[in-house]
Amino acid sequence: MKSEIRLSTISSLKNKAQKLNYQKYLKKVHINKLRAFADQTIEFDFPVTALIGPNGGGKTTVLSSCALLFKSVQPRNFFTKSPQFDKEM
């Protein structure tokens, strides 16, 4: 089966990745004192990063932390209400 992605596109992506030359791409996020995270850095590998883990393992917390980069979005829109964590946020 032939790929639907052109070789020139694949070559261009490889070149960008080698030179770390892609427009808006989050390389890593540092999370400190949020839910189960304490002083941890999560790095994202280009071009694909998969967050996998058990329920309650922190996947949504990582994604929500990344979403906070958008200044126009309030944290309460990403983090659920919890009596344990609301005061920290």
PDB file of N, CA and C in Angstrom:
ATOM      1  N   MET A   1       0.838  -1.178   0.000  1.00  0.00           N
ATOM      2  CA  MET A   1       0.000   0.000   0.000  1.00  0.00           C
ATOM      3  C   MET A   1       0.886   1.246   0.000  1.00  0.00           C
ATOM      4  N   LYS A   2       0.606   2.158  -0.874  1.00  0.00           N
ATOM      5  CA  LYS A   2       1.389   3.376  -1.016  1.00  0.00           C
ATOM      6  C   LYS A   2       0.898   4.448  -0.043  1.00  0.00           C
ATOM      7  N   SER A   3       1.837   5.159   0.570  1.00  0.00           N
ATOM      8  CA  SER A   3       1.495   6.223   1.505  1.00  0.00           C
ATOM      9  C   SER A   3       0.844   7.389   0.787  1.00  0.00           C
ATOM     10  N   GLU A   4      -0.089   8.034   1.463  1.00  0.00           N
ATOM     11  CA  GLU A   4      -0.733   9.222   0.903  1.00  0.00           C
ATOM     12  C   GLU A   4       0.081  10.481   1.158  1.00  0.00           C
ATOM     13  N   ILE A   5       1.128  10.359   1.956  1.00  0.00           N
ATOM     14  CA  ILE A   5       1.986  11.501   2.262  1.00  0.00           C
ATOM     15  C   ILE A   5       3.149  11.521   1.282  1.00  0.00           C
ATOM     16  N   ARG A   6       3.344  12.644   0.650  1.00  0.00           N
ATOM     17  CA  ARG A   6       4.426  12.776  -0.334  1.00  0.00           C
ATOM     18  C   ARG A   6       5.785  12.702   0.338  1.00  0.00           C
ATOM     19  N   LEU A   7       6.741  12.144  -0.384  1.00  0.00           N
ATOM     20  CA  LEU A   7       8.102  12.055   0.141  1.00  0.00           C
ATOM     21  C   LEU A   7       8.678  13.427   0.439  1.00  0.00           C
ATOM     22  N   SER A   8       8.315  14.433  -0.345  1.00  0.00           N
ATOM     23  CA  SER A   8       8.814  15.792  -0.106  1.00  0.00           C
ATOM     24  C   SER A   8       8.292  16.333   1.232  1.00  0.00           C
ATOM     25  N   THR A   9       7.062  15.987   1.591  1.00  0.00           N
ATOM     26  CA  THR A   9       6.494  16.421   2.876  1.00  0.00           C
ATOM     27  C   THR A   9       7.222  15.739   4.026  1.00  0.00           C
ATOM     28  N   ILE A  10       7.469  14.452   3.890  1.00  0.00           N
ATOM     29  CA  ILE A  10       8.192  13.720   4.926  1.00  0.00           C
ATOM     30  C   ILE A  10       9.600  14.274   5.074  1.00  0.00           C
ATOM     31  N   SER A  11      10.260  14.531   3.977  1.00  0.00           N
ATOM     32  CA  SER A  11      11.615  15.085   4.002  1.00  0.00           C
ATOM     33  C   SER A  11      11.638  16.451   4.676  1.00  0.00           C
ATOM     34  N   SER A  12      10.656  17.287   4.363  1.00  0.00           N
ATOM     35  CA  SER A  12      10.571  18.619   4.959  1.00  0.00           C
ATOM     36  C   SER A  12      10.368  18.532   6.474  1.00  0.00           C
ATOM     37  N   LEU A  13       9.511  17.621   6.915  1.00  0.00           N
ATOM     38  CA  LEU A  13       9.275  17.452   8.351  1.00  0.00           C
ATOM     39  C   LEU A  13      10.522  16.951   9.067  1.00  0.00           C
ATOM     40  N   LYS A  14      11.221  16.015   8.456  1.00  0.00           N
ATOM     41  CA  LYS A  14      12.459  15.515   9.050  1.00  0.00           C
ATOM     42  C   LYS A  14      13.487  16.632   9.183  1.00  0.00           C
ATOM     43  N   ASN A  15      13.598  17.464   8.151  1.00  0.00           N
ATOM     44  CA  ASN A  15      14.535  18.580   8.160  1.00  0.00           C
ATOM     45  C   ASN A  15      14.194  19.565   9.285  1.00  0.00           C
ATOM     46  N   LYS A  16      12.910  19.890   9.411  1.00  0.00           N
ATOM     47  CA  LYS A  16      12.479  20.805  10.477  1.00  0.00           C
ATOM     48  C   LYS A  16      12.778  20.220  11.851  1.00  0.00           C
ATOM     49  N   ALA A  17      12.517  18.936  12.015  1.00  0.00           N
ATOM     50  CA  ALA A  17      12.744  18.287  13.301  1.00  0.00           C
ATOM     51  C   ALA A  17      14.226  18.267  13.660  1.00  0.00           C
ATOM     52  N   GLN A  18      15.094  17.993  12.689  1.00  0.00           N
ATOM     53  CA  GLN A  18      16.532  17.952  12.946  1.00  0.00           C
ATOM     54  C   GLN A  18      17.060  19.317  13.362  1.00  0.00           C
ATOM     55  N   LYS A  19      16.509  20.371  12.770  1.00  0.00           N
ATOM     56  CA  LYS A  19      16.972  21.726  13.060  1.00  0.00           C
ATOM     57  C   LYS A  19      16.164  22.400  14.164  1.00  0.00           C
ATOM     58  N   LEU A  20      15.178  21.664  14.724  1.00  0.00           N
ATOM     59  CA  LEU A  20      14.255  22.239  15.709  1.00  0.00           C
ATOM     60  C   LEU A  20      13.619  23.503  15.156  1.00  0.00           C
ATOM     61  N   ASN A  21      13.234  23.447  13.891  1.00  0.00           N
ATOM     62  CA  ASN A  21      12.720  24.616  13.181  1.00  0.00           C
ATOM     63  C   ASN A  21      11.263  24.396  12.768  1.00  0.00           C
ATOM     64  N   TYR A  22      10.381  24.341  13.759  1.00  0.00           N
ATOM     65  CA  TYR A  22       8.970  24.272  13.457  1.00  0.00           C
ATOM     66  C   TYR A  22       8.312  25.448  14.140  1.00  0.00           C
ATOM     67  N   GLN A  23       7.229  25.919  13.596  1.00  0.00           N
ATOM     68  CA  GLN A  23       6.638  27.154  14.093  1.00  0.00           C
ATOM     69  C   GLN A  23       6.220  27.029  15.560  1.00  0.00           C
ATOM     70  N   LYS A  24       4.980  26.837  15.820  1.00  0.00           N
ATOM     71  CA  LYS A  24       4.519  26.749  17.203  1.00  0.00           C
ATOM     72  C   LYS A  24       4.461  25.292  17.618  1.00  0.00           C
ATOM     73  N   TYR A  25       5.380  24.924  18.479  1.00  0.00           N
ATOM     74  CA  TYR A  25       5.433  23.555  18.956  1.00  0.00           C
ATOM     75  C   TYR A  25       5.906  23.575  20.401  1.00  0.00           C
ATOM     76  N   LEU A  26       5.179  22.903  21.252  1.00  0.00           N
ATOM     77  CA  LEU A  26       5.516  22.849  22.667  1.00  0.00           C
ATOM     78  C   LEU A  26       6.522  21.724  22.890  1.00  0.00           C
ATOM     79  N   LYS A  27       7.711  22.078  23.313  1.00  0.00           N
ATOM     80  CA  LYS A  27       8.765  21.086  23.535  1.00  0.00           C
ATOM     81  C   LYS A  27       8.649  20.433  24.898  1.00  0.00           C
ATOM     82  N   LYS A  28       8.304  21.224  25.908  1.00  0.00           N
ATOM     83  CA  LYS A  28       8.183  20.666  27.247  1.00  0.00           C
ATOM     84  C   LYS A  28       7.347  21.586  28.126  1.00  0.00           C
ATOM     85  N   VAL A  29       6.850  21.033  29.201  1.00  0.00           N
ATOM     86  CA  VAL A  29       6.093  21.804  30.175  1.00  0.00           C
ATOM     87  C   VAL A  29       6.570  21.378  31.564  1.00  0.00           C
ATOM     88  N   HIS A  30       6.717  22.350  32.431  1.00  0.00           N
ATOM     89  CA  HIS A  30       7.141  22.077  33.801  1.00  0.00           C
ATOM     90  C   HIS A  30       5.931  22.273  34.706  1.00  0.00           C
ATOM     91  N   ILE A  31       5.596  21.266  35.477  1.00  0.00           N
ATOM     92  CA  ILE A  31       4.434  21.330  36.361  1.00  0.00           C
ATOM     93  C   ILE A  31       4.930  21.224  37.797  1.00  0.00           C
ATOM     94  N   ASN A  32       4.517  22.186  38.608  1.00  0.00           N
ATOM     95  CA  ASN A  32       4.929  22.203  40.005  1.00  0.00           C
ATOM     96  C   ASN A  32       3.712  22.428  40.892  1.00  0.00           C
ATOM     97  N   LYS A  33       3.517  21.541  41.840  1.00  0.00           N
ATOM     98  CA  LYS A  33       2.439  21.638  42.831  1.00  0.00           C
ATOM     99  C   LYS A  33       1.056  21.704  42.194  1.00  0.00           C
ATOM    100  N   LEU A  34       0.778  20.787  41.304  1.00  0.00           N
ATOM    101  CA  LEU A  34      -0.545  20.700  40.695  1.00  0.00           C
ATOM    102  C   LEU A  34      -0.974  19.246  40.719  1.00  0.00           C
ATOM    103  N   ARG A  35      -2.027  19.000  41.457  1.00  0.00           N
ATOM    104  CA  ARG A  35      -2.548  17.645  41.633  1.00  0.00           C
ATOM    105  C   ARG A  35      -1.414  16.707  42.048  1.00  0.00           C
ATOM    106  N   ALA A  36      -1.169  15.642  41.325  1.00  0.00           N
ATOM    107  CA  ALA A  36      -0.145  14.672  41.747  1.00  0.00           C
ATOM    108  C   ALA A  36       1.261  15.061  41.289  1.00  0.00           C
ATOM    109  N   PHE A  37       1.396  16.188  40.599  1.00  0.00           N
ATOM    110  CA  PHE A  37       2.690  16.599  40.064  1.00  0.00           C
ATOM    111  C   PHE A  37       3.395  17.549  41.022  1.00  0.00           C
ATOM    112  N   ALA A  38       4.659  17.291  41.249  1.00  0.00           N
ATOM    113  CA  ALA A  38       5.476  18.165  42.084  1.00  0.00           C
ATOM    114  C   ALA A  38       6.846  18.294  41.427  1.00  0.00           C
ATOM    115  N   ASP A  39       7.088  19.458  40.845  1.00  0.00           N
ATOM    116  CA  ASP A  39       8.391  19.741  40.239  1.00  0.00           C
ATOM    117  C   ASP A  39       8.777  18.701  39.176  1.00  0.00           C
ATOM    118  N   GLN A  40       7.895  18.526  38.177  1.00  0.00           N
ATOM    119  CA  GLN A  40       8.154  17.568  37.110  1.00  0.00           C
ATOM    120  C   GLN A  40       8.121  18.260  35.752  1.00  0.00           C
ATOM    121  N   THR A  41       9.010  17.852  34.880  1.00  0.00           N
ATOM    122  CA  THR A  41       9.048  18.360  33.519  1.00  0.00           C
ATOM    123  C   THR A  41       8.663  17.236  32.571  1.00  0.00           C
ATOM    124  N   ILE A  42       7.712  17.527  31.685  1.00  0.00           N
ATOM    125  CA  ILE A  42       7.281  16.563  30.679  1.00  0.00           C
ATOM    126  C   ILE A  42       7.746  17.084  29.333  1.00  0.00           C
ATOM    127  N   GLU A  43       8.502  16.268  28.592  1.00  0.00           N
ATOM    128  CA  GLU A  43       8.999  16.662  27.285  1.00  0.00           C
ATOM    129  C   GLU A  43       8.180  15.984  26.195  1.00  0.00           C
ATOM    130  N   PHE A  44       7.923  16.720  25.116  1.00  0.00           N
ATOM    131  CA  PHE A  44       7.143  16.218  23.999  1.00  0.00           C
ATOM    132  C   PHE A  44       8.066  16.023  22.805  1.00  0.00           C
ATOM    133  N   ASP A  45       8.089  14.822  22.260  1.00  0.00           N
ATOM    134  CA  ASP A  45       8.941  14.512  21.119  1.00  0.00           C
ATOM    135  C   ASP A  45       8.214  14.820  19.816  1.00  0.00           C
ATOM    136  N   PHE A  46       8.893  15.484  18.901  1.00  0.00           N
ATOM    137  CA  PHE A  46       8.337  15.811  17.593  1.00  0.00           C
ATOM    138  C   PHE A  46       8.466  14.588  16.702  1.00  0.00           C
ATOM    139  N   PRO A  47       7.531  14.304  15.859  1.00  0.00           N
ATOM    140  CA  PRO A  47       6.305  15.041  15.584  1.00  0.00           C
ATOM    141  C   PRO A  47       5.098  14.521  16.353  1.00  0.00           C
ATOM    142  N   VAL A  48       5.239  13.400  17.053  1.00  0.00           N
ATOM    143  CA  VAL A  48       4.075  12.822  17.725  1.00  0.00           C
ATOM    144  C   VAL A  48       4.417  12.490  19.167  1.00  0.00           C
ATOM    145  N   THR A  49       3.526  12.858  20.061  1.00  0.00           N
ATOM    146  CA  THR A  49       3.638  12.472  21.452  1.00  0.00           C
ATOM    147  C   THR A  49       2.318  11.847  21.851  1.00  0.00           C
ATOM    148  N   ALA A  50       2.363  10.714  22.481  1.00  0.00           N
ATOM    149  CA  ALA A  50       1.154  10.063  22.976  1.00  0.00           C
ATOM    150  C   ALA A  50       1.206  10.056  24.492  1.00  0.00           C
ATOM    151  N   LEU A  51       0.142  10.501  25.112  1.00  0.00           N
ATOM    152  CA  LEU A  51       0.035  10.428  26.562  1.00  0.00           C
ATOM    153  C   LEU A  51      -0.812   9.200  26.887  1.00  0.00           C
ATOM    154  N   ILE A  52      -0.189   8.231  27.491  1.00  0.00           N
ATOM    155  CA  ILE A  52      -0.913   7.014  27.843  1.00  0.00           C
ATOM    156  C   ILE A  52      -0.711   6.725  29.320  1.00  0.00           C
ATOM    157  N   GLY A  53      -1.697   6.130  29.914  1.00  0.00           N
ATOM    158  CA  GLY A  53      -1.598   5.781  31.316  1.00  0.00           C
ATOM    159  C   GLY A  53      -2.954   5.403  31.858  1.00  0.00           C
ATOM    160  N   PRO A  54      -2.983   4.946  33.096  1.00  0.00           N
ATOM    161  CA  PRO A  54      -4.239   4.519  33.700  1.00  0.00           C
ATOM    162  C   PRO A  54      -5.142   5.712  34.011  1.00  0.00           C
ATOM    163  N   ASN A  55      -6.407   5.417  34.237  1.00  0.00           N
ATOM    164  CA  ASN A  55      -7.327   6.469  34.669  1.00  0.00           C
ATOM    165  C   ASN A  55      -6.802   7.074  35.967  1.00  0.00           C
ATOM    166  N   GLY A  56      -6.830   8.383  36.045  1.00  0.00           N
ATOM    167  CA  GLY A  56      -6.324   9.066  37.226  1.00  0.00           C
ATOM    168  C   GLY A  56      -4.816   9.211  37.239  1.00  0.00           C
ATOM    169  N   GLY A  57      -4.169   8.914  36.126  1.00  0.00           N
ATOM    170  CA  GLY A  57      -2.710   8.950  36.067  1.00  0.00           C
ATOM    171  C   GLY A  57      -2.114  10.312  35.762  1.00  0.00           C
ATOM    172  N   GLY A  58      -2.944  11.307  35.399  1.00  0.00           N
ATOM    173  CA  GLY A  58      -2.451  12.662  35.172  1.00  0.00           C
ATOM    174  C   GLY A  58      -2.426  13.117  33.726  1.00  0.00           C
ATOM    175  N   LYS A  59      -2.977  12.337  32.811  1.00  0.00           N
ATOM    176  CA  LYS A  59      -2.951  12.718  31.384  1.00  0.00           C
ATOM    177  C   LYS A  59      -3.683  14.045  31.152  1.00  0.00           C
ATOM    178  N   THR A  60      -4.863  14.168  31.725  1.00  0.00           N
ATOM    179  CA  THR A  60      -5.642  15.394  31.551  1.00  0.00           C
ATOM    180  C   THR A  60      -4.967  16.574  32.228  1.00  0.00           C
ATOM    181  N   THR A  61      -4.320  16.350  33.340  1.00  0.00           N
ATOM    182  CA  THR A  61      -3.593  17.419  34.025  1.00  0.00           C
ATOM    183  C   THR A  61      -2.474  17.950  33.148  1.00  0.00           C
ATOM    184  N   VAL A  62      -1.759  17.067  32.474  1.00  0.00           N
ATOM    185  CA  VAL A  62      -0.683  17.493  31.569  1.00  0.00           C
ATOM    186  C   VAL A  62      -1.261  18.320  30.426  1.00  0.00           C
ATOM    187  N   LEU A  63      -2.312  17.810  29.781  1.00  0.00           N
ATOM    188  CA  LEU A  63      -2.923  18.535  28.660  1.00  0.00           C
ATOM    189  C   LEU A  63      -3.503  19.872  29.103  1.00  0.00           C
ATOM    190  N   SER A  64      -4.132  19.884  30.253  1.00  0.00           N
ATOM    191  CA  SER A  64      -4.714  21.135  30.764  1.00  0.00           C
ATOM    192  C   SER A  64      -3.625  22.154  31.083  1.00  0.00           C
ATOM    193  N   SER A  65      -2.520  21.685  31.609  1.00  0.00           N
ATOM    194  CA  SER A  65      -1.400  22.592  31.900  1.00  0.00           C
ATOM    195  C   SER A  65      -0.874  23.219  30.622  1.00  0.00           C
ATOM    196  N   CYS A  66      -0.818  22.441  29.558  1.00  0.00           N
ATOM    197  CA  CYS A  66      -0.378  22.966  28.264  1.00  0.00           C
ATOM    198  C   CYS A  66      -1.374  24.002  27.739  1.00  0.00           C
ATOM    199  N   ALA A  67      -2.641  23.758  27.958  1.00  0.00           N
ATOM    200  CA  ALA A  67      -3.674  24.679  27.478  1.00  0.00           C
ATOM    201  C   ALA A  67      -3.583  26.032  28.170  1.00  0.00           C
ATOM    202  N   LEU A  68      -2.999  26.071  29.353  1.00  0.00           N
ATOM    203  CA  LEU A  68      -2.885  27.332  30.087  1.00  0.00           C
ATOM    204  C   LEU A  68      -1.943  28.326  29.413  1.00  0.00           C
ATOM    205  N   LEU A  69      -1.226  27.883  28.400  1.00  0.00           N
ATOM    206  CA  LEU A  69      -0.375  28.796  27.646  1.00  0.00           C
ATOM    207  C   LEU A  69      -1.191  29.858  26.929  1.00  0.00           C
ATOM    208  N   PHE A  70      -2.456  29.548  26.692  1.00  0.00           N
ATOM    209  CA  PHE A  70      -3.347  30.510  26.064  1.00  0.00           C
ATOM    210  C   PHE A  70      -3.871  31.433  27.151  1.00  0.00           C
ATOM    211  N   LYS A  71      -3.370  32.635  27.208  1.00  0.00           N
ATOM    212  CA  LYS A  71      -3.680  33.570  28.286  1.00  0.00           C
ATOM    213  C   LYS A  71      -5.165  33.905  28.389  1.00  0.00           C
ATOM    214  N   SER A  72      -5.899  33.776  27.288  1.00  0.00           N
ATOM    215  CA  SER A  72      -7.308  34.156  27.310  1.00  0.00           C
ATOM    216  C   SER A  72      -8.209  33.095  27.941  1.00  0.00           C
ATOM    217  N   VAL A  73      -7.652  31.945  28.296  1.00  0.00           N
ATOM    218  CA  VAL A  73      -8.454  30.860  28.851  1.00  0.00           C
ATOM    219  C   VAL A  73      -8.205  30.764  30.351  1.00  0.00           C
ATOM    220  N   GLN A  74      -9.271  30.731  31.113  1.00  0.00           N
ATOM    221  CA  GLN A  74      -9.163  30.636  32.564  1.00  0.00           C
ATOM    222  C   GLN A  74      -8.876  29.195  32.989  1.00  0.00           C
ATOM    223  N   PRO A  75      -8.037  28.975  34.004  1.00  0.00           N
ATOM    224  CA  PRO A  75      -7.734  27.615  34.470  1.00  0.00           C
ATOM    225  C   PRO A  75      -8.977  26.826  34.853  1.00  0.00           C
ATOM    226  N   ARG A  76      -9.987  27.488  35.388  1.00  0.00           N
ATOM    227  CA  ARG A  76     -11.193  26.769  35.817  1.00  0.00           C
ATOM    228  C   ARG A  76     -11.920  26.109  34.642  1.00  0.00           C
ATOM    229  N   ASN A  77     -11.613  26.524  33.411  1.00  0.00           N
ATOM    230  CA  ASN A  77     -12.229  25.892  32.252  1.00  0.00           C
ATOM    231  C   ASN A  77     -11.604  24.540  31.924  1.00  0.00           C
ATOM    232  N   PHE A  78     -10.448  24.236  32.499  1.00  0.00           N
ATOM    233  CA  PHE A  78      -9.766  22.982  32.224  1.00  0.00           C
ATOM    234  C   PHE A  78      -9.748  22.037  33.409  1.00  0.00           C
ATOM    235  N   PHE A  79      -9.699  22.574  34.605  1.00  0.00           N
ATOM    236  CA  PHE A  79      -9.564  21.740  35.782  1.00  0.00           C
ATOM    237  C   PHE A  79     -10.913  21.593  36.479  1.00  0.00           C
ATOM    238  N   THR A  80     -11.283  20.362  36.775  1.00  0.00           N
ATOM    239  CA  THR A  80     -12.556  20.112  37.429  1.00  0.00           C
ATOM    240  C   THR A  80     -12.516  20.587  38.864  1.00  0.00           C
ATOM    241  N   LYS A  81     -13.683  20.857  39.384  1.00  0.00           N
ATOM    242  CA  LYS A  81     -13.791  21.283  40.785  1.00  0.00           C
ATOM    243  C   LYS A  81     -13.460  20.102  41.681  1.00  0.00           C
ATOM    244  N   SER A  82     -12.613  20.345  42.638  1.00  0.00           N
ATOM    245  CA  SER A  82     -12.242  19.321  43.596  1.00  0.00           C
ATOM    246  C   SER A  82     -11.906  20.030  44.901  1.00  0.00           C
ATOM    247  N   PRO A  83     -12.531  19.614  45.988  1.00  0.00           N
ATOM    248  CA  PRO A  83     -12.234  20.267  47.271  1.00  0.00           C
ATOM    249  C   PRO A  83     -10.759  20.157  47.652  1.00  0.00           C
ATOM    250  N   GLN A  84     -10.095  19.123  47.154  1.00  0.00           N
ATOM    251  CA  GLN A  84      -8.689  18.932  47.498  1.00  0.00           C
ATOM    252  C   GLN A  84      -7.780  19.904  46.751  1.00  0.00           C
ATOM    253  N   PHE A  85      -8.121  20.251  45.505  1.00  0.00           N
ATOM    254  CA  PHE A  85      -7.185  21.009  44.680  1.00  0.00           C
ATOM    255  C   PHE A  85      -7.621  22.437  44.361  1.00  0.00           C
ATOM    256  N   ASP A  86      -8.880  22.787  44.502  1.00  0.00           N
ATOM    257  CA  ASP A  86      -9.354  24.095  44.078  1.00  0.00           C
ATOM    258  C   ASP A  86      -8.600  25.248  44.721  1.00  0.00           C
ATOM    259  N   LYS A  87      -8.224  25.142  45.969  1.00  0.00           N
ATOM    260  CA  LYS A  87      -7.534  26.242  46.647  1.00  0.00           C
ATOM    261  C   LYS A  87      -6.137  26.453  46.080  1.00  0.00           C
ATOM    262  N   GLU A  88      -5.543  25.378  45.528  1.00  0.00           N
ATOM    263  CA  GLU A  88      -4.202  25.484  44.945  1.00  0.00           C
ATOM    264  C   GLU A  88      -4.213  26.131  43.582  1.00  0.00           C
ATOM    265  N   MET A  89      -5.367  26.124  42.910  1.00  0.00           N
ATOM    266  CA  MET A  89      -5.422  26.643  41.554  1.00  0.00           C
ATOM    267  C   MET A  89      -5.918  28.050  41.579  1.00  0.00           C
TER     268      MET A  89
END
